[in-house]
Amino acid sequence: MIRFLLSFALLTAALLSAACSISESSKSSSASSPSSSVPAAKDKKKAGYENDIRDYTAEFVKSSDTNPETFRARLGKIAAKYGVTQWDQDKSTYVAVGKGLRKASLGKSQL
């Protein structure tokens, strides 16, 4: 029985090792293909969304409007434009807001 378990464990390890090497070789070949260097439409859409959020955030914090509901409403409209649902749970929204704050070049006291 021990011999069977040992054989089974060695066979499983060999199969997993082979599967990992196949997976790694397919990753490296796809990473070097020309099609992977062209941004996908989804990536362009995400970049556009993040840029719009960034630009709006920078514009908002420099304006005289301090109503957070105005800010949230506009973020929702931008998200809808790009088909982003649950934007308030989307990490890229917060990254873009942070970039907008940096773009606004506010001082520490203003932040």
PDB file of N, CA and C in Angstrom:
ATOM      1  N   MET A   1       0.812  -1.194   0.000  1.00  0.00           N
ATOM      2  CA  MET A   1       0.000   0.000   0.000  1.00  0.00           C
ATOM      3  C   MET A   1       0.864   1.271   0.000  1.00  0.00           C
ATOM      4  N   ILE A   2       1.933   1.272   0.801  1.00  0.00           N
ATOM      5  CA  ILE A   2       2.829   2.414   0.853  1.00  0.00           C
ATOM      6  C   ILE A   2       3.501   2.611  -0.501  1.00  0.00           C
ATOM      7  N   ARG A   3       3.871   1.505  -1.135  1.00  0.00           N
ATOM      8  CA  ARG A   3       4.508   1.574  -2.445  1.00  0.00           C
ATOM      9  C   ARG A   3       3.538   2.195  -3.459  1.00  0.00           C
ATOM     10  N   PHE A   4       2.254   1.827  -3.364  1.00  0.00           N
ATOM     11  CA  PHE A   4       1.245   2.390  -4.267  1.00  0.00           C
ATOM     12  C   PHE A   4       1.095   3.892  -4.047  1.00  0.00           C
ATOM     13  N   LEU A   5       1.012   4.326  -2.778  1.00  0.00           N
ATOM     14  CA  LEU A   5       0.866   5.745  -2.463  1.00  0.00           C
ATOM     15  C   LEU A   5       2.080   6.542  -2.920  1.00  0.00           C
ATOM     16  N   LEU A   6       3.274   5.956  -2.735  1.00  0.00           N
ATOM     17  CA  LEU A   6       4.493   6.622  -3.168  1.00  0.00           C
ATOM     18  C   LEU A   6       4.517   6.763  -4.687  1.00  0.00           C
ATOM     19  N   SER A   7       4.129   5.706  -5.391  1.00  0.00           N
ATOM     20  CA  SER A   7       4.067   5.754  -6.859  1.00  0.00           C
ATOM     21  C   SER A   7       3.042   6.782  -7.319  1.00  0.00           C
ATOM     22  N   PHE A   8       1.909   6.815  -6.654  1.00  0.00           N
ATOM     23  CA  PHE A   8       0.850   7.764  -6.999  1.00  0.00           C
ATOM     24  C   PHE A   8       1.328   9.196  -6.769  1.00  0.00           C
ATOM     25  N   ALA A   9       2.006   9.437  -5.665  1.00  0.00           N
ATOM     26  CA  ALA A   9       2.506  10.776  -5.357  1.00  0.00           C
ATOM     27  C   ALA A   9       3.549  11.211  -6.381  1.00  0.00           C
ATOM     28  N   LEU A  10       4.442  10.319  -6.765  1.00  0.00           N
ATOM     29  CA  LEU A  10       5.453  10.653  -7.761  1.00  0.00           C
ATOM     30  C   LEU A  10       4.830  10.918  -9.123  1.00  0.00           C
ATOM     31  N   LEU A  11       3.844  10.136  -9.497  1.00  0.00           N
ATOM     32  CA  LEU A  11       3.152  10.328 -10.767  1.00  0.00           C
ATOM     33  C   LEU A  11       2.417  11.668 -10.767  1.00  0.00           C
ATOM     34  N   THR A  12       1.752  11.999  -9.672  1.00  0.00           N
ATOM     35  CA  THR A  12       1.045  13.276  -9.558  1.00  0.00           C
ATOM     36  C   THR A  12       2.014  14.442  -9.647  1.00  0.00           C
ATOM     37  N   ALA A  13       3.147  14.338  -8.970  1.00  0.00           N
ATOM     38  CA  ALA A  13       4.146  15.402  -9.018  1.00  0.00           C
ATOM     39  C   ALA A  13       4.689  15.580 -10.428  1.00  0.00           C
ATOM     40  N   ALA A  14       4.923  14.472 -11.124  1.00  0.00           N
ATOM     41  CA  ALA A  14       5.432  14.546 -12.495  1.00  0.00           C
ATOM     42  C   ALA A  14       4.399  15.213 -13.410  1.00  0.00           C
ATOM     43  N   LEU A  15       3.138  14.856 -13.250  1.00  0.00           N
ATOM     44  CA  LEU A  15       2.080  15.455 -14.081  1.00  0.00           C
ATOM     45  C   LEU A  15       1.927  16.944 -13.796  1.00  0.00           C
ATOM     46  N   LEU A  16       1.975  17.326 -12.529  1.00  0.00           N
ATOM     47  CA  LEU A  16       1.869  18.741 -12.178  1.00  0.00           C
ATOM     48  C   LEU A  16       3.059  19.526 -12.710  1.00  0.00           C
ATOM     49  N   SER A  17       4.228  18.926 -12.644  1.00  0.00           N
ATOM     50  CA  SER A  17       5.423  19.592 -13.157  1.00  0.00           C
ATOM     51  C   SER A  17       5.313  19.804 -14.664  1.00  0.00           C
ATOM     52  N   ALA A  18       4.830  18.805 -15.366  1.00  0.00           N
ATOM     53  CA  ALA A  18       4.661  18.916 -16.822  1.00  0.00           C
ATOM     54  C   ALA A  18       3.608  19.969 -17.157  1.00  0.00           C
ATOM     55  N   ALA A  19       2.527  19.987 -16.395  1.00  0.00           N
ATOM     56  CA  ALA A  19       1.465  20.966 -16.644  1.00  0.00           C
ATOM     57  C   ALA A  19       1.973  22.382 -16.419  1.00  0.00           C
ATOM     58  N   CYS A  20       2.781  22.575 -15.388  1.00  0.00           N
ATOM     59  CA  CYS A  20       3.329  23.908 -15.114  1.00  0.00           C
ATOM     60  C   CYS A  20       4.259  24.355 -16.232  1.00  0.00           C
ATOM     61  N   SER A  21       5.087  23.449 -16.735  1.00  0.00           N
ATOM     62  CA  SER A  21       6.017  23.845 -17.793  1.00  0.00           C
ATOM     63  C   SER A  21       5.271  24.147 -19.084  1.00  0.00           C
ATOM     64  N   ILE A  22       4.201  23.419 -19.362  1.00  0.00           N
ATOM     65  CA  ILE A  22       3.384  23.719 -20.546  1.00  0.00           C
ATOM     66  C   ILE A  22       2.728  25.072 -20.380  1.00  0.00           C
ATOM     67  N   SER A  23       2.207  25.333 -19.198  1.00  0.00           N
ATOM     68  CA  SER A  23       1.562  26.615 -18.930  1.00  0.00           C
ATOM     69  C   SER A  23       2.544  27.766 -19.082  1.00  0.00           C
ATOM     70  N   GLU A  24       3.748  27.621 -18.555  1.00  0.00           N
ATOM     71  CA  GLU A  24       4.765  28.669 -18.652  1.00  0.00           C
ATOM     72  C   GLU A  24       5.193  28.901 -20.092  1.00  0.00           C
ATOM     73  N   SER A  25       5.339  27.824 -20.863  1.00  0.00           N
ATOM     74  CA  SER A  25       5.765  28.002 -22.250  1.00  0.00           C
ATOM     75  C   SER A  25       4.682  28.676 -23.070  1.00  0.00           C
ATOM     76  N   SER A  26       3.417  28.395 -22.770  1.00  0.00           N
ATOM     77  CA  SER A  26       2.347  29.065 -23.517  1.00  0.00           C
ATOM     78  C   SER A  26       2.265  30.535 -23.134  1.00  0.00           C
ATOM     79  N   LYS A  27       2.571  30.859 -21.872  1.00  0.00           N
ATOM     80  CA  LYS A  27       2.578  32.262 -21.462  1.00  0.00           C
ATOM     81  C   LYS A  27       3.683  33.027 -22.184  1.00  0.00           C
ATOM     82  N   SER A  28       4.864  32.431 -22.247  1.00  0.00           N
ATOM     83  CA  SER A  28       5.974  33.145 -22.860  1.00  0.00           C
ATOM     84  C   SER A  28       5.766  33.304 -24.353  1.00  0.00           C
ATOM     85  N   SER A  29       5.154  32.328 -25.018  1.00  0.00           N
ATOM     86  CA  SER A  29       4.941  32.468 -26.446  1.00  0.00           C
ATOM     87  C   SER A  29       3.839  33.471 -26.741  1.00  0.00           C
ATOM     88  N   SER A  30       2.811  33.531 -25.888  1.00  0.00           N
ATOM     89  CA  SER A  30       1.756  34.509 -26.132  1.00  0.00           C
ATOM     90  C   SER A  30       2.209  35.909 -25.761  1.00  0.00           C
ATOM     91  N   ALA A  31       3.112  36.015 -24.812  1.00  0.00           N
ATOM     92  CA  ALA A  31       3.593  37.340 -24.409  1.00  0.00           C
ATOM     93  C   ALA A  31       4.438  37.970 -25.503  1.00  0.00           C
ATOM     94  N   SER A  32       5.066  37.150 -26.320  1.00  0.00           N
ATOM     95  CA  SER A  32       5.916  37.706 -27.353  1.00  0.00           C
ATOM     96  C   SER A  32       5.202  37.872 -28.692  1.00  0.00           C
ATOM     97  N   SER A  33       3.930  37.463 -28.761  1.00  0.00           N
ATOM     98  CA  SER A  33       3.221  37.581 -30.026  1.00  0.00           C
ATOM     99  C   SER A  33       2.861  39.033 -30.295  1.00  0.00           C
ATOM    100  N   PRO A  34       2.828  39.420 -31.560  1.00  0.00           N
ATOM    101  CA  PRO A  34       2.547  40.807 -31.905  1.00  0.00           C
ATOM    102  C   PRO A  34       1.160  41.271 -31.450  1.00  0.00           C
ATOM    103  N   SER A  35       0.195  40.352 -31.424  1.00  0.00           N
ATOM    104  CA  SER A  35      -1.157  40.762 -31.057  1.00  0.00           C
ATOM    105  C   SER A  35      -1.252  41.187 -29.600  1.00  0.00           C
ATOM    106  N   SER A  36      -0.347  40.674 -28.742  1.00  0.00           N
ATOM    107  CA  SER A  36      -0.411  41.046 -27.336  1.00  0.00           C
ATOM    108  C   SER A  36       0.120  42.459 -27.102  1.00  0.00           C
ATOM    109  N   SER A  37       0.837  43.015 -28.066  1.00  0.00           N
ATOM    110  CA  SER A  37       1.356  44.367 -27.890  1.00  0.00           C
ATOM    111  C   SER A  37       0.326  45.429 -28.264  1.00  0.00           C
ATOM    112  N   VAL A  38      -0.735  45.027 -28.940  1.00  0.00           N
ATOM    113  CA  VAL A  38      -1.798  45.956 -29.310  1.00  0.00           C
ATOM    114  C   VAL A  38      -2.804  45.987 -28.177  1.00  0.00           C
ATOM    115  N   PRO A  39      -3.067  47.170 -27.603  1.00  0.00           N
ATOM    116  CA  PRO A  39      -4.021  47.236 -26.504  1.00  0.00           C
ATOM    117  C   PRO A  39      -5.406  46.772 -26.938  1.00  0.00           C
ATOM    118  N   ALA A  40      -6.014  45.978 -26.122  1.00  0.00           N
ATOM    119  CA  ALA A  40      -7.353  45.494 -26.403  1.00  0.00           C
ATOM    120  C   ALA A  40      -8.353  46.636 -26.229  1.00  0.00           C
ATOM    121  N   ALA A  41      -9.502  46.477 -26.853  1.00  0.00           N
ATOM    122  CA  ALA A  41     -10.545  47.504 -26.746  1.00  0.00           C
ATOM    123  C   ALA A  41     -10.944  47.708 -25.291  1.00  0.00           C
ATOM    124  N   LYS A  42     -10.936  46.635 -24.521  1.00  0.00           N
ATOM    125  CA  LYS A  42     -11.293  46.732 -23.103  1.00  0.00           C
ATOM    126  C   LYS A  42     -10.286  47.599 -22.352  1.00  0.00           C
ATOM    127  N   ASP A  43      -9.006  47.450 -22.685  1.00  0.00           N
ATOM    128  CA  ASP A  43      -7.967  48.253 -22.042  1.00  0.00           C
ATOM    129  C   ASP A  43      -8.108  49.722 -22.411  1.00  0.00           C
ATOM    130  N   LYS A  44      -8.440  49.992 -23.666  1.00  0.00           N
ATOM    131  CA  LYS A  44      -8.638  51.375 -24.100  1.00  0.00           C
ATOM    132  C   LYS A  44      -9.840  51.992 -23.392  1.00  0.00           C
ATOM    133  N   LYS A  45     -10.895  51.196 -23.237  1.00  0.00           N
ATOM    134  CA  LYS A  45     -12.103  51.669 -22.556  1.00  0.00           C
ATOM    135  C   LYS A  45     -11.789  51.989 -21.093  1.00  0.00           C
ATOM    136  N   LYS A  46     -11.040  51.105 -20.443  1.00  0.00           N
ATOM    137  CA  LYS A  46     -10.666  51.326 -19.040  1.00  0.00           C
ATOM    138  C   LYS A  46      -9.806  52.569 -18.903  1.00  0.00           C
ATOM    139  N   ALA A  47      -8.857  52.741 -19.826  1.00  0.00           N
ATOM    140  CA  ALA A  47      -7.986  53.917 -19.788  1.00  0.00           C
ATOM    141  C   ALA A  47      -8.793  55.189 -19.993  1.00  0.00           C
ATOM    142  N   GLY A  48      -9.752  55.160 -20.895  1.00  0.00           N
ATOM    143  CA  GLY A  48     -10.611  56.321 -21.118  1.00  0.00           C
ATOM    144  C   GLY A  48     -11.423  56.655 -19.882  1.00  0.00           C
ATOM    145  N   TYR A  49     -11.960  55.627 -19.238  1.00  0.00           N
ATOM    146  CA  TYR A  49     -12.732  55.808 -18.005  1.00  0.00           C
ATOM    147  C   TYR A  49     -11.857  56.441 -16.926  1.00  0.00           C
ATOM    148  N   GLU A  50     -10.691  55.873 -16.723  1.00  0.00           N
ATOM    149  CA  GLU A  50      -9.797  56.396 -15.688  1.00  0.00           C
ATOM    150  C   GLU A  50      -9.355  57.825 -15.996  1.00  0.00           C
ATOM    151  N   ASN A  51      -9.097  58.117 -17.251  1.00  0.00           N
ATOM    152  CA  ASN A  51      -8.697  59.476 -17.623  1.00  0.00           C
ATOM    153  C   ASN A  51      -9.822  60.475 -17.376  1.00  0.00           C
ATOM    154  N   ASP A  52     -11.050  60.097 -17.714  1.00  0.00           N
ATOM    155  CA  ASP A  52     -12.180  61.003 -17.481  1.00  0.00           C
ATOM    156  C   ASP A  52     -12.411  61.237 -15.990  1.00  0.00           C
ATOM    157  N   ILE A  53     -12.296  60.172 -15.194  1.00  0.00           N
ATOM    158  CA  ILE A  53     -12.452  60.313 -13.741  1.00  0.00           C
ATOM    159  C   ILE A  53     -11.339  61.201 -13.190  1.00  0.00           C
ATOM    160  N   ARG A  54     -10.114  60.972 -13.641  1.00  0.00           N
ATOM    161  CA  ARG A  54      -8.971  61.776 -13.197  1.00  0.00           C
ATOM    162  C   ARG A  54      -9.181  63.253 -13.525  1.00  0.00           C
ATOM    163  N   ASP A  55      -9.550  63.525 -14.759  1.00  0.00           N
ATOM    164  CA  ASP A  55      -9.725  64.911 -15.196  1.00  0.00           C
ATOM    165  C   ASP A  55     -10.872  65.597 -14.451  1.00  0.00           C
ATOM    166  N   TYR A  56     -11.981  64.869 -14.269  1.00  0.00           N
ATOM    167  CA  TYR A  56     -13.101  65.461 -13.551  1.00  0.00           C
ATOM    168  C   TYR A  56     -12.737  65.731 -12.094  1.00  0.00           C
ATOM    169  N   THR A  57     -12.034  64.804 -11.466  1.00  0.00           N
ATOM    170  CA  THR A  57     -11.633  64.998 -10.072  1.00  0.00           C
ATOM    171  C   THR A  57     -10.773  66.247  -9.933  1.00  0.00           C
ATOM    172  N   ALA A  58      -9.799  66.400 -10.809  1.00  0.00           N
ATOM    173  CA  ALA A  58      -8.920  67.581 -10.764  1.00  0.00           C
ATOM    174  C   ALA A  58      -9.746  68.854 -10.952  1.00  0.00           C
ATOM    175  N   GLU A  59     -10.686  68.825 -11.865  1.00  0.00           N
ATOM    176  CA  GLU A  59     -11.540  69.986 -12.126  1.00  0.00           C
ATOM    177  C   GLU A  59     -12.433  70.289 -10.916  1.00  0.00           C
ATOM    178  N   PHE A  60     -13.002  69.245 -10.323  1.00  0.00           N
ATOM    179  CA  PHE A  60     -13.920  69.422  -9.201  1.00  0.00           C
ATOM    180  C   PHE A  60     -13.234  70.031  -7.983  1.00  0.00           C
ATOM    181  N   VAL A  61     -12.063  69.512  -7.635  1.00  0.00           N
ATOM    182  CA  VAL A  61     -11.409  69.997  -6.414  1.00  0.00           C
ATOM    183  C   VAL A  61     -10.905  71.425  -6.563  1.00  0.00           C
ATOM    184  N   LYS A  62     -10.713  71.874  -7.786  1.00  0.00           N
ATOM    185  CA  LYS A  62     -10.297  73.255  -8.007  1.00  0.00           C
ATOM    186  C   LYS A  62     -11.491  74.207  -8.101  1.00  0.00           C
ATOM    187  N   SER A  63     -12.688  73.649  -8.234  1.00  0.00           N
ATOM    188  CA  SER A  63     -13.880  74.493  -8.356  1.00  0.00           C
ATOM    189  C   SER A  63     -14.362  74.934  -6.986  1.00  0.00           C
ATOM    190  N   SER A  64     -15.359  75.772  -6.989  1.00  0.00           N
ATOM    191  CA  SER A  64     -15.924  76.252  -5.728  1.00  0.00           C
ATOM    192  C   SER A  64     -16.996  75.304  -5.189  1.00  0.00           C
ATOM    193  N   ASP A  65     -17.370  74.312  -5.971  1.00  0.00           N
ATOM    194  CA  ASP A  65     -18.393  73.343  -5.554  1.00  0.00           C
ATOM    195  C   ASP A  65     -17.784  72.373  -4.549  1.00  0.00           C
ATOM    196  N   THR A  66     -18.350  72.318  -3.369  1.00  0.00           N
ATOM    197  CA  THR A  66     -17.837  71.416  -2.342  1.00  0.00           C
ATOM    198  C   THR A  66     -18.842  70.339  -1.960  1.00  0.00           C
ATOM    199  N   ASN A  67     -19.905  70.206  -2.741  1.00  0.00           N
ATOM    200  CA  ASN A  67     -20.937  69.227  -2.444  1.00  0.00           C
ATOM    201  C   ASN A  67     -20.493  67.833  -2.894  1.00  0.00           C
ATOM    202  N   PRO A  68     -20.307  66.906  -1.944  1.00  0.00           N
ATOM    203  CA  PRO A  68     -19.861  65.564  -2.321  1.00  0.00           C
ATOM    204  C   PRO A  68     -20.882  64.820  -3.184  1.00  0.00           C
ATOM    205  N   GLU A  69     -22.161  65.154  -3.038  1.00  0.00           N
ATOM    206  CA  GLU A  69     -23.183  64.495  -3.855  1.00  0.00           C
ATOM    207  C   GLU A  69     -23.053  64.891  -5.320  1.00  0.00           C
ATOM    208  N   THR A  70     -22.654  66.120  -5.578  1.00  0.00           N
ATOM    209  CA  THR A  70     -22.412  66.559  -6.952  1.00  0.00           C
ATOM    210  C   THR A  70     -21.271  65.736  -7.539  1.00  0.00           C
ATOM    211  N   PHE A  71     -20.230  65.551  -6.767  1.00  0.00           N
ATOM    212  CA  PHE A  71     -19.076  64.773  -7.195  1.00  0.00           C
ATOM    213  C   PHE A  71     -19.471  63.331  -7.495  1.00  0.00           C
ATOM    214  N   ARG A  72     -20.182  62.708  -6.557  1.00  0.00           N
ATOM    215  CA  ARG A  72     -20.608  61.315  -6.724  1.00  0.00           C
ATOM    216  C   ARG A  72     -21.532  61.153  -7.929  1.00  0.00           C
ATOM    217  N   ALA A  73     -22.437  62.104  -8.114  1.00  0.00           N
ATOM    218  CA  ALA A  73     -23.373  62.016  -9.236  1.00  0.00           C
ATOM    219  C   ALA A  73     -22.625  62.057 -10.573  1.00  0.00           C
ATOM    220  N   ARG A  74     -21.649  62.948 -10.661  1.00  0.00           N
ATOM    221  CA  ARG A  74     -20.881  63.062 -11.909  1.00  0.00           C
ATOM    222  C   ARG A  74     -20.032  61.814 -12.129  1.00  0.00           C
ATOM    223  N   LEU A  75     -19.465  61.244 -11.070  1.00  0.00           N
ATOM    224  CA  LEU A  75     -18.724  59.993 -11.216  1.00  0.00           C
ATOM    225  C   LEU A  75     -19.638  58.900 -11.751  1.00  0.00           C
ATOM    226  N   GLY A  76     -20.861  58.863 -11.254  1.00  0.00           N
ATOM    227  CA  GLY A  76     -21.835  57.883 -11.735  1.00  0.00           C
ATOM    228  C   GLY A  76     -22.154  58.065 -13.211  1.00  0.00           C
ATOM    229  N   LYS A  77     -22.252  59.323 -13.647  1.00  0.00           N
ATOM    230  CA  LYS A  77     -22.527  59.591 -15.066  1.00  0.00           C
ATOM    231  C   LYS A  77     -21.354  59.169 -15.944  1.00  0.00           C
ATOM    232  N   ILE A  78     -20.149  59.445 -15.480  1.00  0.00           N
ATOM    233  CA  ILE A  78     -18.964  59.029 -16.242  1.00  0.00           C
ATOM    234  C   ILE A  78     -18.918  57.500 -16.313  1.00  0.00           C
ATOM    235  N   ALA A  79     -19.183  56.844 -15.207  1.00  0.00           N
ATOM    236  CA  ALA A  79     -19.181  55.380 -15.184  1.00  0.00           C
ATOM    237  C   ALA A  79     -20.224  54.825 -16.153  1.00  0.00           C
ATOM    238  N   ALA A  80     -21.404  55.413 -16.153  1.00  0.00           N
ATOM    239  CA  ALA A  80     -22.469  54.947 -17.053  1.00  0.00           C
ATOM    240  C   ALA A  80     -22.046  55.104 -18.515  1.00  0.00           C
ATOM    241  N   LYS A  81     -21.368  56.184 -18.809  1.00  0.00           N
ATOM    242  CA  LYS A  81     -20.876  56.424 -20.171  1.00  0.00           C
ATOM    243  C   LYS A  81     -19.987  55.277 -20.649  1.00  0.00           C
ATOM    244  N   TYR A  82     -19.201  54.720 -19.734  1.00  0.00           N
ATOM    245  CA  TYR A  82     -18.277  53.640 -20.075  1.00  0.00           C
ATOM    246  C   TYR A  82     -18.829  52.251 -19.742  1.00  0.00           C
ATOM    247  N   GLY A  83     -20.058  52.190 -19.276  1.00  0.00           N
ATOM    248  CA  GLY A  83     -20.652  50.904 -18.950  1.00  0.00           C
ATOM    249  C   GLY A  83     -20.097  50.278 -17.683  1.00  0.00           C
ATOM    250  N   VAL A  84     -19.556  51.096 -16.815  1.00  0.00           N
ATOM    251  CA  VAL A  84     -19.004  50.594 -15.553  1.00  0.00           C
ATOM    252  C   VAL A  84     -20.131  50.547 -14.533  1.00  0.00           C
ATOM    253  N   THR A  85     -20.421  49.351 -14.065  1.00  0.00           N
ATOM    254  CA  THR A  85     -21.436  49.188 -13.033  1.00  0.00           C
ATOM    255  C   THR A  85     -20.736  49.081 -11.687  1.00  0.00           C
ATOM    256  N   GLN A  86     -21.414  49.504 -10.673  1.00  0.00           N
ATOM    257  CA  GLN A  86     -20.863  49.499  -9.312  1.00  0.00           C
ATOM    258  C   GLN A  86     -19.508  50.202  -9.265  1.00  0.00           C
ATOM    259  N   TRP A  87     -19.478  51.390  -9.832  1.00  0.00           N
ATOM    260  CA  TRP A  87     -18.239  52.169  -9.902  1.00  0.00           C
ATOM    261  C   TRP A  87     -17.679  52.455  -8.523  1.00  0.00           C
ATOM    262  N   ASP A  88     -18.556  52.536  -7.535  1.00  0.00           N
ATOM    263  CA  ASP A  88     -18.093  52.840  -6.180  1.00  0.00           C
ATOM    264  C   ASP A  88     -17.387  51.655  -5.524  1.00  0.00           C
ATOM    265  N   GLN A  89     -17.417  50.505  -6.179  1.00  0.00           N
ATOM    266  CA  GLN A  89     -16.694  49.328  -5.695  1.00  0.00           C
ATOM    267  C   GLN A  89     -15.555  48.943  -6.631  1.00  0.00           C
ATOM    268  N   ASP A  90     -15.327  49.758  -7.638  1.00  0.00           N
ATOM    269  CA  ASP A  90     -14.310  49.480  -8.648  1.00  0.00           C
ATOM    270  C   ASP A  90     -12.996  50.159  -8.249  1.00  0.00           C
ATOM    271  N   LYS A  91     -11.958  49.378  -8.103  1.00  0.00           N
ATOM    272  CA  LYS A  91     -10.660  49.898  -7.670  1.00  0.00           C
ATOM    273  C   LYS A  91     -10.139  50.982  -8.618  1.00  0.00           C
ATOM    274  N   SER A  92     -10.382  50.810  -9.914  1.00  0.00           N
ATOM    275  CA  SER A  92      -9.848  51.779 -10.877  1.00  0.00           C
ATOM    276  C   SER A  92     -10.462  53.165 -10.687  1.00  0.00           C
ATOM    277  N   THR A  93     -11.670  53.230 -10.142  1.00  0.00           N
ATOM    278  CA  THR A  93     -12.286  54.524  -9.851  1.00  0.00           C
ATOM    279  C   THR A  93     -11.454  55.274  -8.816  1.00  0.00           C
ATOM    280  N   TYR A  94     -11.064  54.581  -7.770  1.00  0.00           N
ATOM    281  CA  TYR A  94     -10.321  55.216  -6.691  1.00  0.00           C
ATOM    282  C   TYR A  94      -8.890  55.563  -7.103  1.00  0.00           C
ATOM    283  N   VAL A  95      -8.319  54.719  -7.934  1.00  0.00           N
ATOM    284  CA  VAL A  95      -6.985  55.028  -8.457  1.00  0.00           C
ATOM    285  C   VAL A  95      -7.056  56.306  -9.286  1.00  0.00           C
ATOM    286  N   ALA A  96      -8.093  56.399 -10.129  1.00  0.00           N
ATOM    287  CA  ALA A  96      -8.260  57.582 -10.982  1.00  0.00           C
ATOM    288  C   ALA A  96      -8.535  58.838 -10.157  1.00  0.00           C
ATOM    289  N   VAL A  97      -9.311  58.710  -9.081  1.00  0.00           N
ATOM    290  CA  VAL A  97      -9.561  59.857  -8.205  1.00  0.00           C
ATOM    291  C   VAL A  97      -8.242  60.318  -7.587  1.00  0.00           C
ATOM    292  N   GLY A  98      -7.427  59.387  -7.143  1.00  0.00           N
ATOM    293  CA  GLY A  98      -6.121  59.740  -6.589  1.00  0.00           C
ATOM    294  C   GLY A  98      -5.246  60.449  -7.613  1.00  0.00           C
ATOM    295  N   LYS A  99      -5.282  59.976  -8.847  1.00  0.00           N
ATOM    296  CA  LYS A  99      -4.520  60.628  -9.910  1.00  0.00           C
ATOM    297  C   LYS A  99      -5.059  62.029 -10.179  1.00  0.00           C
ATOM    298  N   GLY A 100      -6.366  62.185 -10.047  1.00  0.00           N
ATOM    299  CA  GLY A 100      -6.965  63.506 -10.231  1.00  0.00           C
ATOM    300  C   GLY A 100      -6.528  64.473  -9.146  1.00  0.00           C
ATOM    301  N   LEU A 101      -6.442  63.979  -7.919  1.00  0.00           N
ATOM    302  CA  LEU A 101      -5.970  64.823  -6.823  1.00  0.00           C
ATOM    303  C   LEU A 101      -4.519  65.239  -7.051  1.00  0.00           C
ATOM    304  N   ARG A 102      -3.721  64.307  -7.544  1.00  0.00           N
ATOM    305  CA  ARG A 102      -2.327  64.642  -7.847  1.00  0.00           C
ATOM    306  C   ARG A 102      -2.260  65.649  -8.994  1.00  0.00           C
ATOM    307  N   LYS A 103      -3.097  65.444 -10.003  1.00  0.00           N
ATOM    308  CA  LYS A 103      -3.109  66.357 -11.158  1.00  0.00           C
ATOM    309  C   LYS A 103      -3.499  67.768 -10.739  1.00  0.00           C
ATOM    310  N   ALA A 104      -4.360  67.885  -9.738  1.00  0.00           N
ATOM    311  CA  ALA A 104      -4.813  69.194  -9.264  1.00  0.00           C
ATOM    312  C   ALA A 104      -3.710  69.963  -8.545  1.00  0.00           C
ATOM    313  N   SER A 105      -2.653  69.266  -8.164  1.00  0.00           N
ATOM    314  CA  SER A 105      -1.500  69.883  -7.481  1.00  0.00           C
ATOM    315  C   SER A 105      -1.916  70.696  -6.260  1.00  0.00           C
ATOM    316  N   LEU A 106      -2.730  70.092  -5.428  1.00  0.00           N
ATOM    317  CA  LEU A 106      -3.159  70.762  -4.207  1.00  0.00           C
ATOM    318  C   LEU A 106      -2.086  70.669  -3.140  1.00  0.00           C
ATOM    319  N   GLY A 107      -2.075  71.651  -2.266  1.00  0.00           N
ATOM    320  CA  GLY A 107      -1.180  71.613  -1.121  1.00  0.00           C
ATOM    321  C   GLY A 107      -1.744  70.683  -0.059  1.00  0.00           C
ATOM    322  N   LYS A 108      -0.931  70.355   0.925  1.00  0.00           N
ATOM    323  CA  LYS A 108      -1.366  69.448   1.998  1.00  0.00           C
ATOM    324  C   LYS A 108      -2.597  69.973   2.724  1.00  0.00           C
ATOM    325  N   SER A 109      -2.638  71.263   2.975  1.00  0.00           N
ATOM    326  CA  SER A 109      -3.774  71.806   3.705  1.00  0.00           C
ATOM    327  C   SER A 109      -5.053  71.703   2.877  1.00  0.00           C
ATOM    328  N   GLN A 110      -4.937  71.842   1.565  1.00  0.00           N
ATOM    329  CA  GLN A 110      -6.113  71.717   0.710  1.00  0.00           C
ATOM    330  C   GLN A 110      -6.604  70.285   0.618  1.00  0.00           C
ATOM    331  N   LEU A 111      -5.673  69.348   0.620  1.00  0.00           N
ATOM    332  CA  LEU A 111      -6.065  67.940   0.577  1.00  0.00           C
ATOM    333  C   LEU A 111      -6.795  67.576   1.849  1.00  0.00           C
TER     334      LEU A 111
END
